[in-house]
Protein backbone atom coordinates (compact mmCIF):
# COMPACT_ATOMS: atom_id res chain seq x y z
CA MET A 1 40.77 0.58 -45.63
CA PHE A 2 42.05 -2.45 -47.58
CA LYS A 3 42.42 -0.89 -51.03
CA LYS A 4 46.20 -1.41 -50.74
CA PRO A 5 48.08 -4.60 -49.76
CA LEU A 6 48.25 -5.45 -46.06
CA GLY A 7 51.53 -4.66 -44.34
CA ASN A 8 53.45 -6.62 -41.72
CA LEU A 9 51.22 -9.65 -42.35
CA LYS A 10 51.99 -12.37 -39.81
CA THR A 11 51.63 -16.13 -40.26
CA SER A 12 48.13 -17.34 -39.35
CA ALA A 13 47.85 -19.38 -36.15
CA PRO A 14 45.04 -21.68 -34.93
CA LEU A 15 42.71 -20.08 -32.39
CA ARG A 16 42.51 -21.90 -29.07
CA ASN A 17 39.15 -23.47 -28.28
CA SER A 18 38.68 -21.22 -25.26
CA ASP A 19 39.41 -18.11 -27.36
CA ARG A 20 37.04 -19.30 -30.09
CA ARG A 21 34.25 -19.82 -27.55
CA LYS A 22 34.82 -16.30 -26.16
CA LEU A 23 34.77 -14.85 -29.67
CA LYS A 24 31.59 -16.76 -30.56
CA GLN A 25 29.88 -15.62 -27.34
CA HIS A 26 30.89 -12.02 -28.04
CA ILE A 27 29.51 -12.21 -31.61
CA VAL A 28 26.27 -13.92 -30.50
CA GLN A 29 25.66 -11.17 -27.93
CA THR A 30 26.72 -8.29 -30.22
CA PHE A 31 24.54 -9.34 -33.15
CA ALA A 32 21.71 -11.01 -31.16
CA LEU A 33 22.17 -14.42 -32.78
CA VAL A 34 20.90 -17.84 -31.79
CA PRO A 35 23.72 -20.25 -30.78
CA ASP A 36 23.35 -22.42 -33.90
CA VAL A 37 23.90 -19.44 -36.19
CA GLY A 38 26.83 -18.35 -34.03
CA GLU A 39 28.38 -21.79 -34.50
CA GLU A 40 28.04 -21.47 -38.27
CA LEU A 41 29.56 -17.99 -38.40
CA VAL A 42 32.37 -18.80 -35.93
CA PRO A 43 33.23 -22.39 -36.95
CA GLU A 44 35.75 -24.76 -35.44
CA GLY A 45 39.25 -24.60 -36.91
CA LEU A 46 39.28 -20.79 -36.84
CA LEU A 47 42.66 -19.10 -37.50
CA SER A 48 43.83 -15.64 -36.48
CA VAL A 49 46.35 -13.45 -38.30
CA LYS A 50 47.69 -10.00 -37.39
CA PHE A 51 48.23 -7.29 -39.98
CA ASN A 52 48.68 -3.57 -40.52
CA THR A 53 46.58 -1.56 -42.97
CA TYR A 54 48.27 0.76 -45.47
CA THR A 55 47.70 3.56 -42.92
CA ASP A 56 49.67 1.50 -40.35
CA GLU A 57 46.59 0.76 -38.26
CA PRO A 58 46.99 -2.66 -36.58
CA GLY A 59 44.28 -5.28 -36.88
CA VAL A 60 43.40 -8.95 -36.49
CA ALA A 61 41.59 -11.11 -39.06
CA TYR A 62 39.85 -14.37 -38.18
CA LEU A 63 39.99 -16.92 -40.99
CA GLY A 64 37.68 -19.89 -41.49
CA PRO A 65 39.01 -23.42 -42.01
CA GLY A 66 39.05 -22.82 -45.77
CA GLY A 67 41.11 -19.63 -45.43
CA ASP A 68 38.28 -17.12 -45.99
CA PRO A 69 38.47 -14.07 -43.68
CA LEU A 70 35.20 -14.11 -41.71
CA TRP A 71 35.70 -11.36 -39.10
CA PHE A 72 38.23 -8.65 -38.33
CA THR A 73 39.04 -5.96 -35.80
CA LEU A 74 40.89 -2.66 -36.23
CA GLY A 75 42.98 -0.99 -33.55
CA ILE A 76 44.98 -2.29 -30.60
CA GLY A 77 42.81 -4.33 -28.23
CA SER A 78 39.62 -3.37 -30.08
CA GLU A 79 36.45 -5.36 -29.30
CA ASP A 80 34.58 -3.88 -32.27
CA ILE A 81 34.21 -7.10 -34.28
CA ILE A 82 33.31 -6.53 -37.95
CA PRO A 83 31.98 -9.17 -40.39
CA THR A 84 33.53 -9.53 -43.84
CA VAL A 85 31.46 -9.93 -47.00
CA TYR A 86 32.15 -13.68 -46.81
CA THR A 87 30.22 -13.76 -43.52
CA LEU A 88 27.49 -11.44 -44.81
CA TRP A 89 26.98 -13.72 -47.82
CA LYS A 90 26.14 -16.50 -45.34
CA LYS A 91 23.77 -14.25 -43.35
CA PRO A 92 22.84 -11.11 -45.34
CA ASP A 93 20.53 -9.78 -42.59
CA LEU A 94 23.25 -9.89 -39.90
CA ILE A 95 23.41 -6.07 -39.89
CA PRO A 96 21.19 -3.34 -41.43
CA PHE A 97 21.87 -2.52 -45.08
CA LEU A 98 21.77 0.46 -47.39
CA SER A 99 21.32 -0.02 -51.13
CA THR A 100 22.97 1.99 -53.90
CA PRO A 101 22.78 1.95 -57.73
CA SER A 102 25.00 -0.52 -59.59
CA ALA A 103 27.14 2.27 -61.08
CA VAL A 104 28.28 3.29 -57.58
CA ILE A 105 29.58 -0.20 -56.67
CA PRO A 106 32.90 0.05 -58.62
CA VAL A 107 33.58 3.37 -56.90
CA LEU A 108 33.13 1.77 -53.47
CA ILE A 109 35.33 -1.20 -54.42
CA GLY A 110 37.99 1.30 -55.47
CA GLY A 111 38.20 2.54 -51.89
CA ALA A 112 35.72 5.45 -51.79
CA ASP A 113 33.13 6.05 -49.06
CA LEU A 114 29.39 5.99 -49.85
CA MET A 115 28.00 9.49 -50.33
CA ILE A 116 24.50 10.54 -49.25
CA PRO A 117 23.15 11.15 -52.80
CA GLY A 118 24.09 7.54 -53.65
CA VAL A 119 21.75 5.98 -51.05
CA VAL A 120 18.51 4.53 -52.45
CA GLN A 121 17.15 2.44 -49.55
CA HIS A 122 17.93 2.68 -45.84
CA PRO A 123 16.30 1.83 -42.49
CA PRO A 124 14.73 4.81 -40.71
CA SER A 125 16.44 4.39 -37.31
CA LEU A 126 20.18 4.24 -38.06
CA GLN A 127 22.62 6.18 -35.92
CA ALA A 128 26.05 7.59 -36.72
CA GLY A 129 28.75 5.01 -36.03
CA GLN A 130 26.41 2.03 -36.47
CA LEU A 131 27.72 -0.93 -38.47
CA VAL A 132 25.92 -1.40 -41.82
CA SER A 133 26.38 -3.27 -45.10
CA ILE A 134 25.98 -1.86 -48.62
CA THR A 135 24.12 -3.74 -51.36
CA GLU A 136 23.31 -3.13 -54.99
CA TYR A 137 19.81 -1.72 -55.50
CA ILE A 138 17.69 -3.91 -57.80
CA HIS A 139 15.04 -1.76 -59.47
CA HIS A 140 11.42 -2.86 -58.96
CA SER A 141 12.18 -6.12 -57.19
CA THR A 142 11.61 -7.70 -53.80
CA HIS A 143 15.13 -9.11 -54.06
CA ILE A 144 18.12 -7.48 -52.43
CA GLY A 145 21.60 -7.60 -53.91
CA SER A 146 24.26 -9.49 -51.97
CA PRO A 147 26.29 -7.36 -49.48
CA LEU A 148 29.31 -5.90 -51.26
CA ALA A 149 30.77 -3.61 -48.58
CA VAL A 150 30.63 -2.97 -44.83
CA GLY A 151 31.27 0.20 -42.86
CA HIS A 152 30.13 2.64 -40.17
CA MET A 153 27.35 5.19 -40.64
CA ALA A 154 28.74 8.70 -40.99
CA VAL A 155 25.40 10.36 -40.11
CA ASP A 156 22.02 9.46 -38.64
CA SER A 157 19.44 8.08 -41.06
CA ASP A 158 17.32 11.24 -40.59
CA VAL A 159 19.99 13.16 -42.49
CA LEU A 160 19.72 10.76 -45.42
CA SER A 161 16.03 11.60 -45.84
CA GLU A 162 16.53 15.36 -45.90
CA ALA A 163 16.19 16.91 -49.35
CA GLY A 164 19.46 18.18 -50.78
CA SER A 165 21.65 16.44 -48.19
CA LYS A 166 25.29 16.04 -49.18
CA GLY A 167 28.40 14.54 -47.67
CA LYS A 168 29.33 11.02 -46.64
CA ALA A 169 26.73 8.45 -45.64
CA VAL A 170 28.98 5.49 -44.79
CA PHE A 171 32.68 5.24 -43.97
CA VAL A 172 33.56 2.06 -45.87
CA LEU A 173 35.88 -0.31 -43.99
CA HIS A 174 35.96 -3.35 -46.28
CA ALA A 175 34.58 -4.22 -49.71
CA TRP A 176 34.32 -7.07 -52.17
CA ASN A 177 37.57 -7.57 -54.16
CA ASP A 178 39.76 -5.53 -51.77
CA HIS A 179 42.98 -6.97 -50.36
CA LEU A 180 41.29 -8.42 -47.26
CA PHE A 181 38.80 -10.21 -49.52
CA ASP A 182 41.68 -11.49 -51.67
CA MET A 183 43.00 -13.48 -48.68
CA GLY A 184 40.08 -15.90 -49.21
CA HIS A 185 38.94 -18.02 -52.15
CA LYS A 186 37.66 -14.86 -53.93
CA GLY A 187 34.78 -15.45 -56.35
CA ASN A 188 31.66 -13.53 -57.32
CA PRO A 189 28.80 -12.54 -55.00
CA PRO A 190 25.91 -15.03 -54.66
CA ASP A 191 22.48 -14.43 -56.19
CA PRO A 192 20.27 -11.67 -54.71
CA TRP A 193 18.28 -12.72 -51.66
CA GLU A 194 14.56 -12.29 -51.10
CA MET A 195 13.57 -9.51 -48.72
CA SER A 196 10.65 -10.53 -46.54
CA HIS A 197 7.36 -8.65 -46.80
CA SER A 198 7.62 -7.32 -43.24
CA THR A 199 11.18 -6.08 -43.82
CA THR A 200 10.15 -4.22 -46.94
CA ASN A 201 7.27 -2.48 -45.25
CA ASP A 202 8.45 -1.91 -41.72
CA GLN A 203 12.21 -1.38 -41.74
CA TYR A 204 13.17 0.38 -44.96
CA SER A 205 12.02 3.85 -45.83
CA THR A 206 12.09 3.46 -49.63
CA GLU A 207 9.68 0.84 -51.02
CA ASP A 208 9.36 -0.37 -54.60
CA GLU A 209 5.84 0.98 -54.91
CA ASP A 210 7.02 4.44 -53.86
CA VAL A 211 10.40 4.47 -55.53
CA THR A 212 9.67 6.52 -58.65
CA GLU A 213 10.13 9.93 -57.00
CA ASN A 214 13.29 8.83 -55.23
CA ASP A 215 14.69 7.36 -58.45
CA ALA A 216 14.25 10.71 -60.15
CA LEU A 217 16.72 12.11 -57.62
CA LYS A 218 19.13 9.16 -57.71
CA GLU A 219 19.53 8.51 -61.44
CA PRO A 220 21.16 11.89 -62.26
CA LEU A 221 23.73 11.00 -59.58
CA VAL A 222 24.36 7.66 -61.24
CA ASP A 223 24.71 9.43 -64.58
CA ALA A 224 27.39 11.67 -63.10
CA LEU A 225 29.28 8.77 -61.54
CA SER A 226 29.55 6.52 -64.59
CA SER A 227 29.37 6.87 -68.35
CA HIS A 228 28.25 3.23 -68.38
CA LEU A 229 24.73 4.57 -68.09
CA GLU A 230 24.93 5.71 -71.70
CA GLN A 231 25.85 2.20 -72.74
CA THR A 232 23.09 0.58 -70.70
CA GLN A 233 20.58 3.15 -72.00
CA LEU A 234 19.37 4.20 -68.58
CA ASP A 235 17.12 7.16 -69.35
CA ASP A 236 14.90 9.01 -66.90
CA HIS A 237 12.58 10.04 -69.73
CA ALA A 238 12.23 6.62 -71.39
CA PRO A 239 8.61 5.45 -71.69
CA LYS A 240 7.50 3.15 -68.87
CA ILE A 241 4.57 0.77 -68.73
CA GLU A 242 2.31 0.77 -65.69
CA LEU A 243 0.58 -2.59 -65.23
CA THR A 244 -2.87 -3.06 -63.78
CA LYS A 245 -3.48 -5.44 -60.90
CA GLU A 246 -5.10 -7.85 -63.35
CA ASP A 247 -1.94 -7.76 -65.51
CA VAL A 248 0.27 -8.59 -62.50
CA SER A 249 -2.04 -11.46 -61.50
CA SER A 250 -1.88 -12.88 -65.03
CA ILE A 251 1.93 -12.70 -65.09
CA LEU A 252 2.17 -14.46 -61.71
CA HIS A 253 -0.23 -17.16 -62.91
CA ASP A 254 1.99 -17.70 -65.98
CA ALA A 255 5.03 -17.82 -63.69
CA LEU A 256 3.35 -20.61 -61.70
CA LEU A 257 2.68 -22.56 -64.93
CA GLN A 258 6.26 -21.94 -66.07
CA ALA A 259 7.64 -23.27 -62.78
CA MET A 260 5.42 -26.35 -62.92
CA LYS A 261 6.38 -27.15 -66.53
CA LYS A 262 10.11 -26.42 -66.48
CA THR A 263 11.25 -26.67 -62.85
CA LEU A 264 8.83 -28.84 -60.87
CA SER A 265 9.62 -32.14 -62.54
CA SER A 266 8.78 -35.39 -60.75
CA SER A 267 12.23 -35.52 -59.14
CA GLN A 268 12.11 -31.94 -57.85
CA ALA A 269 8.49 -32.29 -56.73
CA SER A 270 9.77 -34.82 -54.19
CA ALA A 271 10.80 -31.80 -52.10
CA LEU A 272 7.10 -31.22 -51.39
CA PRO A 273 5.44 -30.50 -49.05
CA MET A 274 7.03 -27.13 -48.40
CA PRO A 275 5.88 -23.84 -46.85
CA ALA A 276 3.92 -21.60 -49.20
CA SER A 277 6.41 -18.73 -48.73
CA THR A 278 9.32 -20.99 -49.78
CA PHE A 279 7.37 -22.24 -52.79
CA TYR A 280 6.70 -18.64 -53.81
CA SER A 281 10.30 -17.40 -53.46
CA ALA A 282 12.04 -20.52 -54.80
CA TYR A 283 9.79 -21.34 -57.77
CA ILE A 284 7.27 -18.64 -58.71
CA LEU A 285 9.40 -15.48 -58.44
CA PRO A 286 12.37 -16.87 -60.44
CA SER A 287 9.90 -18.02 -63.15
CA ARG A 288 8.68 -14.48 -63.90
CA PRO A 289 9.48 -13.39 -67.47
CA ALA A 290 12.81 -11.69 -68.09
CA GLN A 291 12.46 -8.27 -69.66
CA SER A 292 14.23 -7.60 -72.95
CA PRO A 293 16.42 -4.44 -72.99
CA SER A 294 14.64 -3.34 -76.19
CA GLN A 295 11.26 -3.29 -74.44
CA PRO A 296 9.97 -0.30 -72.48
CA SER A 297 10.63 -0.70 -68.78
CA VAL A 298 7.82 -1.72 -66.44
CA SER A 299 7.24 0.62 -63.51
CA THR A 300 4.95 -1.76 -61.59
CA PRO A 301 6.60 -4.42 -59.39
CA ILE A 302 5.45 -7.91 -60.32
CA ASP A 303 4.64 -9.40 -56.94
CA ILE A 304 1.67 -10.50 -54.85
CA LYS A 305 1.00 -7.16 -53.14
CA HIS A 306 0.52 -5.45 -56.54
CA SER A 307 -1.87 -8.14 -57.84
CA THR A 308 -5.62 -8.58 -57.35
CA HIS A 309 -4.96 -11.30 -54.76
CA LYS A 310 -3.22 -9.03 -52.20
CA SER A 311 -1.88 -12.03 -50.28
CA LEU A 312 0.01 -15.20 -51.18
CA ALA A 313 -2.62 -17.40 -49.51
CA TYR A 314 -5.42 -16.05 -51.76
CA PHE A 315 -3.26 -16.52 -54.85
CA LEU A 316 -2.40 -20.15 -54.05
CA LYS A 317 -5.98 -20.99 -53.04
CA SER A 318 -7.13 -19.62 -56.40
CA ALA A 319 -4.65 -21.95 -58.11
CA GLU A 320 -5.94 -24.83 -55.95
CA LYS A 321 -9.49 -24.20 -57.16
CA GLN A 322 -8.19 -24.57 -60.71
CA GLY A 323 -6.68 -27.95 -59.80
CA LEU A 324 -3.08 -26.84 -60.25
CA LEU A 325 -1.92 -27.73 -56.73
CA LYS A 326 -3.04 -28.95 -53.32
CA LEU A 327 -2.69 -27.00 -50.09
CA LYS A 328 -2.96 -27.85 -46.43
CA GLU A 329 -2.67 -25.73 -43.31
CA ILE A 330 -0.45 -27.25 -40.59
CA LYS A 331 -0.07 -25.43 -37.29
CA SER A 332 -1.37 -22.19 -38.84
CA GLU A 333 1.24 -22.41 -41.66
CA LEU A 334 0.06 -22.89 -45.25
CA MET A 335 1.88 -25.78 -46.98
CA VAL A 336 2.02 -26.79 -50.66
CA PHE A 337 1.58 -30.58 -50.72
CA SER A 338 1.54 -31.41 -54.44
CA VAL A 339 1.43 -29.90 -57.93
CA ALA A 340 -0.45 -31.18 -60.98
CA THR A 341 2.24 -31.08 -63.67
CA SER A 342 -0.08 -32.93 -66.07
CA HIS A 343 -2.84 -30.30 -65.80
CA ALA A 344 -4.18 -29.14 -69.19
CA ASP A 345 -3.09 -25.52 -68.53
CA VAL A 346 0.46 -26.66 -67.71
CA VAL A 347 0.67 -28.83 -70.84
CA ALA A 348 -0.64 -25.98 -73.02
CA HIS A 349 1.73 -23.41 -71.49
CA ARG A 350 4.38 -22.11 -73.91
CA PRO A 351 7.68 -21.62 -72.03
CA TYR A 352 9.42 -18.24 -72.21
CA LEU A 353 12.76 -16.80 -71.09
CA SER A 354 12.49 -16.38 -67.32
CA LEU A 355 14.60 -14.60 -64.72
CA LYS A 356 15.94 -17.99 -63.66
CA ASP A 357 16.97 -18.78 -67.25
CA VAL A 358 18.88 -15.49 -67.46
CA ALA A 359 20.61 -16.16 -64.15
CA LEU A 360 21.62 -19.67 -65.24
CA ARG A 361 22.88 -18.33 -68.56
CA ASN A 362 25.03 -15.72 -66.81
CA GLU A 363 26.35 -18.36 -64.42
CA LYS A 364 27.33 -20.65 -67.30
CA ARG A 365 28.97 -17.74 -69.10
CA GLY A 366 30.99 -17.00 -65.97
CA GLN A 367 32.02 -20.65 -65.69
CA ARG A 368 33.13 -20.70 -69.33
CA GLU A 369 35.20 -17.56 -68.85
CA GLU A 370 36.74 -19.07 -65.73
CA GLU A 371 37.61 -22.24 -67.66
CA GLU A 372 39.19 -20.15 -70.41
CA ARG A 373 41.32 -18.33 -67.87
CA SER A 374 42.35 -21.56 -66.17
CA ARG A 375 43.46 -23.07 -69.50
CA VAL A 376 46.07 -20.33 -69.99
CA LYS A 377 49.06 -20.95 -67.78
CA GLU A 378 50.23 -17.85 -65.97
CA LEU A 379 53.39 -16.19 -67.28
CA GLU A 380 56.47 -16.56 -65.11
CA VAL A 381 57.86 -13.05 -64.65
CA THR A 382 61.30 -12.91 -63.00
CA GLU A 383 63.15 -9.71 -62.12
CA LEU A 384 66.93 -10.02 -62.46
CA TRP A 385 69.97 -7.86 -61.68
CA LYS A 386 73.48 -7.94 -63.20
CA PRO A 387 76.66 -6.49 -61.62
CA HIS A 388 77.36 -3.06 -63.09
CA LEU A 389 79.75 -0.15 -62.36
CA GLN A 390 80.23 0.09 -58.56
CA SER A 391 78.56 -3.24 -57.88
CA LEU A 392 80.82 -4.87 -60.50
CA ILE A 393 83.86 -4.10 -58.32
CA PHE A 394 82.13 -5.56 -55.27
CA PHE A 395 81.22 -8.85 -57.00
CA ALA A 396 84.70 -9.16 -58.55
CA GLU A 397 86.67 -8.56 -55.34
CA ALA A 398 84.25 -10.68 -53.33
CA GLY A 399 84.87 -13.61 -55.68
CA PHE A 400 81.42 -13.87 -57.30
CA ASP A 401 80.50 -14.23 -60.98
CA THR A 402 80.33 -10.76 -62.53
CA SER A 403 78.61 -11.92 -65.73
CA ALA A 404 75.70 -13.73 -64.07
CA ARG A 405 72.21 -12.34 -63.58
CA TYR A 406 70.93 -12.62 -60.02
CA THR A 407 67.42 -12.83 -58.59
CA TYR A 408 66.55 -10.92 -55.43
CA ALA A 409 66.99 -14.14 -53.42
CA ASP A 410 70.41 -14.70 -55.05
CA ILE A 411 71.54 -11.20 -54.05
CA LYS A 412 70.50 -11.93 -50.48
CA THR A 413 72.51 -15.17 -50.53
CA VAL A 414 75.60 -13.36 -51.89
CA LEU A 415 75.38 -10.63 -49.27
CA ASP A 416 74.72 -13.09 -46.42
CA LYS A 417 77.81 -15.12 -47.39
CA TYR A 418 79.94 -11.99 -47.68
CA VAL A 419 79.04 -10.57 -44.25
CA THR A 420 79.28 -14.00 -42.58
CA ASP A 421 82.75 -14.75 -44.01
CA ARG A 422 84.01 -11.34 -42.86
CA GLN A 423 82.19 -11.43 -39.48
CA LEU A 424 80.29 -8.20 -40.14
CA VAL A 425 77.10 -9.24 -38.31
CA ASN A 426 76.42 -6.95 -35.34
CA ALA A 427 77.03 -8.85 -32.10
CA HIS A 428 74.20 -7.07 -30.26
CA ASP A 429 71.54 -7.30 -32.98
CA GLN A 430 72.00 -9.81 -35.78
CA SER A 431 69.51 -8.00 -38.00
CA TYR A 432 72.11 -5.24 -38.40
CA ILE A 433 75.36 -5.33 -40.40
CA ASN A 434 78.52 -3.38 -39.42
CA VAL A 435 79.05 -1.65 -42.75
CA GLY A 436 81.68 0.70 -41.32
CA ALA A 437 83.98 -2.24 -40.59
CA ASP A 438 84.36 -3.13 -44.30
CA GLU A 439 85.71 -0.55 -46.73
CA LEU A 440 84.55 -2.37 -49.89
CA LEU A 441 80.98 -2.70 -48.63
CA GLN A 442 80.93 0.91 -47.43
CA THR A 443 82.20 2.45 -50.66
CA THR A 444 79.92 0.25 -52.79
CA LEU A 445 76.64 0.73 -50.96
CA CYS A 446 76.88 4.03 -49.08
CA LYS A 447 76.22 7.38 -50.66
CA SER A 448 79.31 9.17 -51.91
CA ASP A 449 78.55 12.37 -49.97
CA ASN A 450 79.43 11.09 -46.49
CA PRO A 451 80.04 7.33 -46.25
CA ALA A 452 81.83 7.62 -42.92
CA ASN A 453 78.53 8.21 -41.09
CA MET A 454 77.00 5.01 -42.47
CA GLU A 455 78.05 2.54 -39.76
CA PHE A 456 75.08 0.15 -39.42
CA PHE A 457 72.42 -1.08 -41.82
CA LYS A 458 69.70 -3.70 -41.71
CA ARG A 459 70.10 -6.64 -44.09
CA GLU A 460 67.08 -5.68 -46.20
CA GLN A 461 68.43 -2.15 -46.63
CA LEU A 462 71.75 -3.52 -47.87
CA ILE A 463 70.03 -5.85 -50.36
CA GLU A 464 67.96 -2.96 -51.73
CA ARG A 465 71.03 -0.69 -51.98
CA LEU A 466 73.07 -3.39 -53.72
CA SER A 467 70.28 -4.13 -56.25
CA ASP A 468 69.98 -0.37 -56.93
CA LYS A 469 73.67 -0.36 -57.91
CA MET A 470 73.12 -3.22 -60.38
CA GLN A 471 71.73 -3.31 -63.91
CA SER A 472 68.06 -4.32 -64.17
CA TRP A 473 66.97 -7.24 -66.37
CA TYR A 474 63.86 -9.37 -66.59
CA LYS A 475 62.89 -12.79 -67.92
CA ILE A 476 59.43 -13.92 -69.04
CA CYS A 477 58.63 -17.59 -69.55
CA ALA A 478 55.44 -18.64 -71.37
CA GLU A 479 54.28 -22.21 -71.89
CA GLY A 480 55.31 -23.51 -75.31
CA LYS A 481 57.57 -20.51 -76.07
CA ASP A 482 61.27 -19.73 -75.63
CA PRO A 483 62.06 -17.59 -72.57
CA VAL A 484 62.38 -13.85 -73.25
CA LEU A 485 65.39 -12.20 -71.56
CA LYS A 486 65.73 -8.43 -71.87
CA LYS A 487 67.65 -5.58 -70.27
CA GLY A 488 65.73 -2.94 -68.36
CA GLN A 489 63.26 -2.68 -65.51
CA ILE A 490 59.90 -4.31 -66.18
CA LYS A 491 56.87 -2.31 -65.10
CA PRO A 492 53.24 -3.38 -64.63
CA ILE A 493 50.76 -2.94 -67.45
CA SER A 494 48.97 0.38 -66.93
CA VAL A 495 45.15 0.39 -67.23
CA VAL A 496 43.93 3.94 -66.59
CA VAL A 497 40.48 5.51 -66.95
CA LYS A 498 40.44 9.14 -68.05
CA VAL A 499 37.52 11.50 -68.58
CA ARG A 500 37.60 13.75 -71.61
CA GLN A 501 35.31 16.44 -72.96
CA GLY A 502 33.51 16.82 -69.64
CA ARG A 503 32.13 13.31 -69.13
CA LYS A 504 33.29 11.01 -71.92
CA ALA A 505 35.37 8.24 -70.33
CA THR A 506 38.08 6.21 -72.04
CA THR A 507 40.32 3.39 -70.83
CA LEU A 508 44.01 3.60 -71.79
CA ILE A 509 46.30 0.54 -71.78
CA THR A 510 50.10 0.83 -72.04
CA GLY A 511 53.18 -1.21 -71.17
CA PHE A 512 51.78 -4.55 -72.38
CA GLU A 513 54.55 -5.37 -74.93
CA PRO A 514 56.95 -7.04 -72.41
CA PHE A 515 54.17 -9.51 -71.57
CA LEU A 516 54.12 -10.91 -75.15
CA LEU A 517 50.99 -8.99 -76.19
CA GLU A 518 50.60 -7.12 -79.50
CA ALA A 519 48.70 -3.84 -79.76
CA ALA A 520 46.58 -4.74 -82.80
CA ALA A 521 45.50 -8.13 -81.43
CA LEU A 522 44.80 -6.62 -78.00
CA ALA A 523 42.65 -3.85 -79.49
CA GLU A 524 40.67 -6.30 -81.63
CA GLU A 525 39.97 -8.66 -78.72
CA LEU A 526 38.93 -5.84 -76.37
CA LYS A 527 36.67 -4.42 -79.07
CA MET A 528 34.62 -7.63 -79.00
CA ARG A 529 34.78 -8.24 -75.25
CA CYS A 530 33.86 -4.69 -74.23
CA ALA A 531 31.47 -4.05 -77.14
CA SER A 532 33.19 -0.68 -77.56
CA SER A 533 35.32 1.01 -80.19
CA THR A 534 39.10 0.77 -79.83
CA SER A 535 42.12 2.47 -81.37
CA VAL A 536 45.91 2.04 -81.42
CA SER A 537 48.47 4.87 -81.35
CA PRO A 538 52.04 5.46 -80.15
CA ALA A 539 52.29 5.92 -76.40
CA PRO A 540 53.03 9.50 -75.29
CA GLY A 541 56.46 10.45 -73.96
CA LYS A 542 59.79 8.80 -74.66
CA SER A 543 58.33 5.29 -74.55
CA SER A 544 58.67 3.25 -77.73
CA GLY A 545 55.54 1.25 -76.92
CA MET A 546 51.97 1.56 -78.16
CA LEU A 547 48.76 2.77 -76.50
CA VAL A 548 45.44 0.95 -76.86
CA LEU A 549 42.34 3.09 -76.20
CA VAL A 550 38.93 1.58 -75.36
CA GLN A 551 35.80 3.72 -75.15
CA GLY A 552 34.08 3.72 -71.74
CA LYS A 553 35.16 2.60 -68.29
CA GLN A 554 36.44 -0.89 -69.02
CA VAL A 555 38.96 -1.51 -66.20
CA LYS A 556 37.30 -4.73 -65.05
CA GLU A 557 36.92 -6.18 -68.54
CA VAL A 558 40.50 -5.27 -69.53
CA THR A 559 41.94 -6.73 -66.32
CA GLU A 560 40.00 -9.97 -66.76
CA PHE A 561 41.23 -10.31 -70.34
CA LEU A 562 44.87 -9.66 -69.38
CA THR A 563 44.74 -12.29 -66.64
CA SER A 564 43.10 -14.71 -69.10
CA GLN A 565 46.18 -14.24 -71.29
CA GLY A 566 48.44 -15.34 -68.45
CA VAL A 567 49.47 -11.93 -67.11
CA PRO A 568 49.79 -12.22 -63.30
CA LYS A 569 47.36 -9.90 -61.55
CA ARG A 570 50.15 -8.20 -59.59
CA TRP A 571 51.60 -7.02 -62.91
CA VAL A 572 48.43 -5.09 -63.83
CA HIS A 573 48.15 -1.60 -62.36
CA THR A 574 44.66 -0.05 -62.55
CA GLU A 575 43.79 3.54 -61.84
CA GLY A 576 40.92 5.96 -62.19
CA GLY A 577 37.22 6.16 -61.49
CA GLY A 578 36.42 8.76 -64.11
CA LYS A 579 36.95 11.76 -61.81
CA LYS A 580 38.40 14.92 -63.25
């Protein structure tokens, strides 16, 4: 829905307090929220902005005080209010979710709908037309990926459970990184959120303990959607380790010791007492060991229900008997009051690489990459036009410089002055110009076949026609370098994914030379960033430029590198999801 830029985008206007209260009440009733949550999701200082989608469907977006789109509607007078991913990141359980493998996510972001074979988890009672979110499926985990798309169910959930079902599962309306999302502060999705025990058991038909048979059906689909699976070594027949309940209990006990030694320092222990469930999700689960890619995968989920303890209370009481912590039950809720960080077992514990360590490492890597991008000042790309042939006569007779190069705004200024001096503005509608009343303007801008019929034109049409009659130039300014001024029309860098030999994907990059990039240096840098082989060859066709080829689907990595080199994002054109 928003895979292309929004059209006819109006200026945002503050929402009146009465309208905000009505909107909040409507959202609270629609999504069965408590008033406090409604206040958070529909904050004061809300703005509204009207737009048209690329299919010319009108809509309204409601922006938060910081400019992030929080809600939107589609259609004239529609009351079907839809949350954006910004809102779902604040409250992931606002609407039911379906999960899908990570390889499917780029396809959804590219504008595709979610197909039935791509659904891993789903609630059993969904109906066609119901609003749902789409998350990334995290294998063997009680965590759920952050919502990355929102849409309407295409079928009832019963159809999803039928063997061999095909077709669309969800009509995607909005996704992370689309043009509606780009109206906000952008950024990456937050960390996965913990699914409660009752949600896992009662609402969703596919559970981690039962997922092996379902995965056997899903992973061939993932393999067909993305050649990335070869790079990540996802193999249905790879050996898997099945842990005993005693093994899971031992790992959880080590995770508790890890949390006490590395995370629960004296300053952080001041947060105690806290509910046992919070202690478990915030400290124990993130302290589980991270699995190395070289190790065989573990098929048994590492959580309380697969241990010998069966419940969190039994596990914590066992730790209390060992003197590791102190518990107390308050109003039928088990609370963790203190932890013994000086216990002999904690002191003797040898720290290992945990899931939390991996997450922090990835976060720091992302921050470093963001800092690298911010250090490179964005190139200033300016399109210019010079009087040429027919337009040369117009500029000369109108008294303007025929040797100058004009920006689009300059051309508008020239044309506005010309029509104003000669009183060519239509008296009934000032957005129209009486072209038929001026012979020079008519012969310059109208088609040669029948200029007599061209009486009236809008200003924007005249500007476009005049620029078409002029010679194209462009100028690129980079910090610390002399400006580059060249003749010709500048085009965006092309980053295209193509599939060859049945399923082997490659990423092709062309048109980068005008942006001060060299083929050999580009290929070498992408080779390291993408961890893939690269090659350089002449671009096909009449172009004198070069083509850089990168093995695999590397659109995201290539785009991020180009923007880090100062290339404005609007000058990078991406295409292709590996389809034949």
